[in-house]
Amino acid sequence: MINNANKPVPEKAQEPAQEQNELPPLTLLQMLGSTLAAAFGVQSQARRERDFARGKASHFILMGIGFTAIFVLVMVLVVRLVLSQLT
């Protein structure tokens, strides 16, 4: 077996990982804004790139599920309110 632990890692291979670690994670407000923009289909290219560079897919999935659940709940409540006013 060849021992690769003593081989130096090229500097260029380390740069992308270091750049990702230096970027701060997205705030809750930024993630909410991106989720709402995605729901309406109006996300800018710059924000999309920011989301892919700094965000985690699992966070966006959870935000999307949460947004969808709240949206459905609000729609059910609005329909019930409208139907109760008609009778």
C-alpha atoms as a PDB file:
ATOM      1  CA  MET A   1       0.000   0.000   0.000  1.00  0.00           C
ATOM      2  CA  ILE A   2       1.146   3.517  -0.723  1.00  0.00           C
ATOM      3  CA  ASN A   3       1.045   5.986   2.129  1.00  0.00           C
ATOM      4  CA  ASN A   4      -0.517   9.208   0.797  1.00  0.00           C
ATOM      5  CA  ALA A   5      -0.616  10.938   4.188  1.00  0.00           C
ATOM      6  CA  ASN A   6       2.921  12.337   3.786  1.00  0.00           C
ATOM      7  CA  LYS A   7       2.366  13.789   0.316  1.00  0.00           C
ATOM      8  CA  PRO A   8       1.865  17.549   0.238  1.00  0.00           C
ATOM      9  CA  VAL A   9      -1.499  18.730  -1.005  1.00  0.00           C
ATOM     10  CA  PRO A  10      -1.251  21.145  -3.937  1.00  0.00           C
ATOM     11  CA  GLU A  11      -2.114  24.711  -2.958  1.00  0.00           C
ATOM     12  CA  LYS A  12      -4.689  25.089  -5.737  1.00  0.00           C
ATOM     13  CA  ALA A  13      -6.643  22.115  -4.394  1.00  0.00           C
ATOM     14  CA  GLN A  14      -6.956  23.810  -0.995  1.00  0.00           C
ATOM     15  CA  GLU A  15      -8.157  27.217  -2.263  1.00  0.00           C
ATOM     16  CA  PRO A  16     -11.816  26.383  -3.080  1.00  0.00           C
ATOM     17  CA  ALA A  17     -12.323  24.687   0.290  1.00  0.00           C
ATOM     18  CA  GLN A  18     -10.809  27.670   2.095  1.00  0.00           C
ATOM     19  CA  GLU A  19     -12.995  30.115   0.139  1.00  0.00           C
ATOM     20  CA  GLN A  20     -16.125  28.197   1.098  1.00  0.00           C
ATOM     21  CA  ASN A  21     -15.137  28.210   4.771  1.00  0.00           C
ATOM     22  CA  GLU A  22     -14.524  31.960   4.700  1.00  0.00           C
ATOM     23  CA  LEU A  23     -18.001  32.803   3.392  1.00  0.00           C
ATOM     24  CA  PRO A  24     -20.522  33.408   6.184  1.00  0.00           C
ATOM     25  CA  PRO A  25     -23.633  31.231   6.111  1.00  0.00           C
ATOM     26  CA  LEU A  26     -26.916  32.730   4.996  1.00  0.00           C
ATOM     27  CA  THR A  27     -29.067  34.369   7.634  1.00  0.00           C
ATOM     28  CA  LEU A  28     -32.625  33.248   8.274  1.00  0.00           C
ATOM     29  CA  LEU A  29     -33.932  36.408   6.628  1.00  0.00           C
ATOM     30  CA  GLN A  30     -31.813  35.827   3.492  1.00  0.00           C
ATOM     31  CA  MET A  31     -33.035  32.222   3.273  1.00  0.00           C
ATOM     32  CA  LEU A  32     -36.643  33.343   3.716  1.00  0.00           C
ATOM     33  CA  GLY A  33     -36.216  35.925   0.951  1.00  0.00           C
ATOM     34  CA  SER A  34     -34.743  33.321  -1.373  1.00  0.00           C
ATOM     35  CA  THR A  35     -37.545  30.890  -0.552  1.00  0.00           C
ATOM     36  CA  LEU A  36     -40.217  33.498  -1.299  1.00  0.00           C
ATOM     37  CA  ALA A  37     -38.458  34.504  -4.514  1.00  0.00           C
ATOM     38  CA  ALA A  38     -38.324  30.852  -5.558  1.00  0.00           C
ATOM     39  CA  ALA A  39     -42.036  30.444  -4.795  1.00  0.00           C
ATOM     40  CA  PHE A  40     -42.866  33.350  -7.110  1.00  0.00           C
ATOM     41  CA  GLY A  41     -40.139  32.461  -9.628  1.00  0.00           C
ATOM     42  CA  VAL A  42     -38.305  35.790  -9.513  1.00  0.00           C
ATOM     43  CA  GLN A  43     -34.801  34.997  -8.217  1.00  0.00           C
ATOM     44  CA  SER A  44     -31.920  37.108  -9.548  1.00  0.00           C
ATOM     45  CA  GLN A  45     -28.770  35.472 -10.907  1.00  0.00           C
ATOM     46  CA  ALA A  46     -26.598  37.095  -8.213  1.00  0.00           C
ATOM     47  CA  ARG A  47     -28.787  35.817  -5.383  1.00  0.00           C
ATOM     48  CA  ARG A  48     -28.987  32.350  -6.914  1.00  0.00           C
ATOM     49  CA  GLU A  49     -25.190  32.197  -7.036  1.00  0.00           C
ATOM     50  CA  ARG A  50     -25.016  33.464  -3.435  1.00  0.00           C
ATOM     51  CA  ASP A  51     -27.452  30.775  -2.323  1.00  0.00           C
ATOM     52  CA  PHE A  52     -25.470  28.007  -3.995  1.00  0.00           C
ATOM     53  CA  ALA A  53     -22.169  29.301  -2.614  1.00  0.00           C
ATOM     54  CA  ARG A  54     -23.238  29.970   0.966  1.00  0.00           C
ATOM     55  CA  GLY A  55     -26.425  27.997   1.598  1.00  0.00           C
ATOM     56  CA  LYS A  56     -27.096  24.373   2.411  1.00  0.00           C
ATOM     57  CA  ALA A  57     -29.573  22.353   0.384  1.00  0.00           C
ATOM     58  CA  SER A  58     -31.127  20.823   3.503  1.00  0.00           C
ATOM     59  CA  HIS A  59     -31.929  24.288   4.880  1.00  0.00           C
ATOM     60  CA  PHE A  60     -33.618  25.336   1.656  1.00  0.00           C
ATOM     61  CA  ILE A  61     -35.582  22.084   1.511  1.00  0.00           C
ATOM     62  CA  LEU A  62     -36.857  22.625   5.058  1.00  0.00           C
ATOM     63  CA  MET A  63     -37.706  26.263   4.296  1.00  0.00           C
ATOM     64  CA  GLY A  64     -39.587  25.161   1.167  1.00  0.00           C
ATOM     65  CA  ILE A  65     -41.569  22.527   3.050  1.00  0.00           C
ATOM     66  CA  GLY A  66     -42.363  25.020   5.812  1.00  0.00           C
ATOM     67  CA  PHE A  67     -43.422  27.694   3.322  1.00  0.00           C
ATOM     68  CA  THR A  68     -45.634  25.225   1.464  1.00  0.00           C
ATOM     69  CA  ALA A  69     -47.299  24.043   4.689  1.00  0.00           C
ATOM     70  CA  ILE A  70     -47.979  27.630   5.815  1.00  0.00           C
ATOM     71  CA  PHE A  71     -49.266  28.567   2.350  1.00  0.00           C
ATOM     72  CA  VAL A  72     -51.700  25.634   2.290  1.00  0.00           C
ATOM     73  CA  LEU A  73     -52.868  26.421   5.831  1.00  0.00           C
ATOM     74  CA  VAL A  74     -53.509  30.077   4.927  1.00  0.00           C
ATOM     75  CA  MET A  75     -55.428  29.044   1.796  1.00  0.00           C
ATOM     76  CA  VAL A  76     -57.613  26.644   3.811  1.00  0.00           C
ATOM     77  CA  LEU A  77     -58.350  29.376   6.363  1.00  0.00           C
ATOM     78  CA  VAL A  78     -59.207  31.915   3.646  1.00  0.00           C
ATOM     79  CA  VAL A  79     -61.549  29.472   1.910  1.00  0.00           C
ATOM     80  CA  ARG A  80     -63.270  28.628   5.203  1.00  0.00           C
ATOM     81  CA  LEU A  81     -63.663  32.322   5.993  1.00  0.00           C
ATOM     82  CA  VAL A  82     -65.144  33.079   2.580  1.00  0.00           C
ATOM     83  CA  LEU A  83     -67.502  30.095   2.749  1.00  0.00           C
ATOM     84  CA  SER A  84     -68.664  31.020   6.241  1.00  0.00           C
ATOM     85  CA  GLN A  85     -69.537  34.531   5.011  1.00  0.00           C
ATOM     86  CA  LEU A  86     -71.642  33.131   2.149  1.00  0.00           C
ATOM     87  CA  THR A  87     -73.930  31.062   4.347  1.00  0.00           C
END
